[in-house]
């Protein structure tokens, strides 16, 4: 079994620090999988669903991540994101309210920067809602 060292850091906490067999993250150009001895690179991460397996025969763990980046070097991966939450940690009501606020802002006249920030807020809220519906029952 071949693993690499993974550290996942959000703006508020260290989400995970330990061994990992496989990490799948949402990148700007599609999902990227990271395995042991992966080529060195830096990946821009977008809001979406992250999946990881700690061991080869282990179960998949899921999380909702915000924008950030992942650096892979020397059989280590460090993922920095503005937010990382397990699906059961997401407050669905708060996510719905955030989506409604962002949709209302989208209807208003905005600068280009505000428009992109609003798009990002909508994407983040939609991902959080999708994950709560998928995993939390």
Protein backbone atom coordinates (compact mmCIF):
# COMPACT_ATOMS: atom_id res chain seq x y z
CA UNK A 1 0.00 0.00 0.00
CA UNK A 2 1.48 3.29 -1.10
CA UNK A 3 0.45 6.51 0.60
CA UNK A 4 1.52 10.13 0.68
CA UNK A 5 1.35 12.77 3.40
CA UNK A 6 -1.70 15.05 3.17
CA UNK A 7 -2.43 18.24 5.06
CA UNK A 8 -5.75 20.03 4.48
CA UNK A 9 -6.00 23.52 5.94
CA UNK A 10 -8.98 25.87 5.91
CA UNK A 11 -9.04 29.47 7.07
CA UNK A 12 -10.37 28.36 10.46
CA UNK A 13 -8.73 25.00 11.22
CA UNK A 14 -6.55 22.11 10.15
CA UNK A 15 -9.12 19.76 8.64
CA UNK A 16 -6.82 16.75 8.15
CA UNK A 17 -3.16 15.92 8.67
CA UNK A 18 -2.03 12.37 7.99
CA UNK A 19 -1.53 9.64 5.42
CA UNK A 20 -3.65 9.41 2.28
CA UNK A 21 -3.96 6.81 -0.45
CA UNK A 22 -6.01 8.87 -2.94
CA UNK A 23 -7.25 12.46 -3.03
CA UNK A 24 -9.71 13.76 -5.62
CA UNK A 25 -10.23 17.51 -5.79
CA UNK A 26 -12.29 19.81 -8.05
CA UNK A 27 -9.88 21.83 -10.19
CA UNK A 28 -10.68 24.66 -12.59
CA UNK A 29 -10.26 22.30 -15.55
CA UNK A 30 -11.95 19.22 -14.07
CA UNK A 31 -11.34 16.81 -11.22
CA UNK A 32 -7.76 15.90 -10.35
CA UNK A 33 -6.71 12.73 -8.56
CA UNK A 34 -3.55 12.64 -6.47
CA UNK A 35 -1.82 9.36 -5.65
CA UNK A 36 1.51 8.54 -4.00
CA UNK A 37 4.59 9.83 -5.85
CA UNK A 38 2.51 12.22 -7.94
CA UNK A 39 4.32 14.66 -10.20
CA UNK A 40 5.11 17.97 -8.52
CA UNK A 41 2.56 20.67 -9.33
CA UNK A 42 0.26 23.34 -7.99
CA UNK A 43 -3.46 22.98 -8.73
CA UNK A 44 -6.04 25.77 -8.52
CA UNK A 45 -9.03 24.37 -6.62
CA UNK A 46 -12.61 25.53 -7.13
CA UNK A 47 -15.60 25.07 -4.83
CA UNK A 48 -16.89 21.54 -4.93
CA UNK A 49 -16.79 18.04 -3.52
CA UNK A 50 -13.47 16.62 -2.34
CA UNK A 51 -13.02 12.87 -1.86
CA UNK A 52 -10.20 11.06 -0.09
CA UNK A 53 -9.21 7.55 0.91
CA UNK A 54 -6.83 7.16 3.83
CA UNK A 55 -5.95 3.56 2.97
CA UNK A 56 -6.26 1.46 -0.17
CA UNK A 57 -9.07 -0.69 1.23
CA UNK A 58 -10.64 2.11 3.29
CA UNK A 59 -13.85 3.95 2.63
CA UNK A 60 -14.11 7.25 0.80
CA UNK A 61 -14.37 10.36 2.93
CA UNK A 62 -16.19 13.39 1.54
CA UNK A 63 -15.94 17.10 2.19
CA UNK A 64 -17.18 20.36 0.72
CA UNK A 65 -14.30 22.68 -0.09
CA UNK A 66 -14.12 26.29 -1.16
CA UNK A 67 -11.65 27.95 -3.48
CA UNK A 68 -7.96 27.49 -2.88
CA UNK A 69 -4.99 25.59 -4.19
CA UNK A 70 -3.14 22.32 -3.69
CA UNK A 71 0.64 21.98 -3.79
CA UNK A 72 2.10 18.55 -4.50
CA UNK A 73 5.83 17.96 -3.90
CA UNK A 74 8.09 15.26 -2.42
CA UNK A 75 5.25 12.75 -1.87
CA UNK A 76 3.34 15.38 0.14
CA UNK A 77 0.22 17.34 -0.70
CA UNK A 78 -0.89 20.51 1.03
CA UNK A 79 -4.37 21.75 0.25
CA UNK A 80 -5.25 25.30 1.34
CA UNK A 81 -8.89 26.33 0.95
CA UNK A 82 -11.02 29.13 2.31
CA UNK A 83 -13.44 26.56 3.76
CA UNK A 84 -13.53 22.79 4.29
CA UNK A 85 -16.54 21.04 5.85
CA UNK A 86 -17.83 17.50 6.17
CA UNK A 87 -21.35 17.16 4.72
CA UNK A 88 -22.83 16.64 8.20
CA UNK A 89 -21.25 19.92 9.38
CA UNK A 90 -23.05 22.00 6.73
CA UNK A 91 -26.04 23.97 7.99
CA UNK A 92 -28.56 23.57 5.14
CA UNK A 93 -30.74 26.49 6.27
CA UNK A 94 -27.74 28.82 6.38
CA UNK A 95 -26.65 27.62 2.93
CA UNK A 96 -30.15 28.29 1.52
CA UNK A 97 -30.12 31.80 3.00
CA UNK A 98 -26.67 32.45 1.53
CA UNK A 99 -27.89 31.28 -1.88
CA UNK A 100 -30.92 33.57 -1.70
CA UNK A 101 -28.76 36.56 -0.71
CA UNK A 102 -26.31 35.87 -3.54
CA UNK A 103 -29.13 35.47 -6.08
CA UNK A 104 -30.58 38.80 -4.95
CA UNK A 105 -27.17 40.48 -5.33
CA UNK A 106 -26.93 38.99 -8.83
CA UNK A 107 -30.15 40.79 -9.80
CA UNK A 108 -28.63 44.14 -8.82
CA UNK A 109 -26.25 46.18 -10.90
CA UNK A 110 -22.68 45.28 -9.91
CA UNK A 111 -19.11 45.95 -10.85
CA UNK A 112 -17.24 43.12 -12.57
CA UNK A 113 -15.42 42.26 -9.34
CA UNK A 114 -18.70 42.14 -7.39
CA UNK A 115 -20.22 40.00 -10.13
CA UNK A 116 -17.43 37.41 -9.87
CA UNK A 117 -17.64 37.40 -6.06
CA UNK A 118 -21.41 36.85 -6.28
CA UNK A 119 -20.92 34.01 -8.77
CA UNK A 120 -18.47 32.40 -6.36
CA UNK A 121 -20.94 32.75 -3.46
CA UNK A 122 -23.70 31.11 -5.52
CA UNK A 123 -21.41 28.23 -6.51
CA UNK A 124 -20.33 27.69 -2.89
CA UNK A 125 -23.92 27.69 -1.62
CA UNK A 126 -25.09 25.28 -4.34
CA UNK A 127 -22.26 22.84 -3.57
CA UNK A 128 -23.00 22.95 0.15
CA UNK A 129 -26.71 22.28 -0.46
CA UNK A 130 -25.99 19.46 -2.91
CA UNK A 131 -23.69 17.72 -0.44
CA UNK A 132 -26.14 17.98 2.45
CA UNK A 133 -28.89 16.49 0.29
CA UNK A 134 -26.61 13.69 -0.90
CA UNK A 135 -25.11 12.59 2.42
CA UNK A 136 -27.18 13.90 5.32
CA UNK A 137 -30.54 12.27 5.73
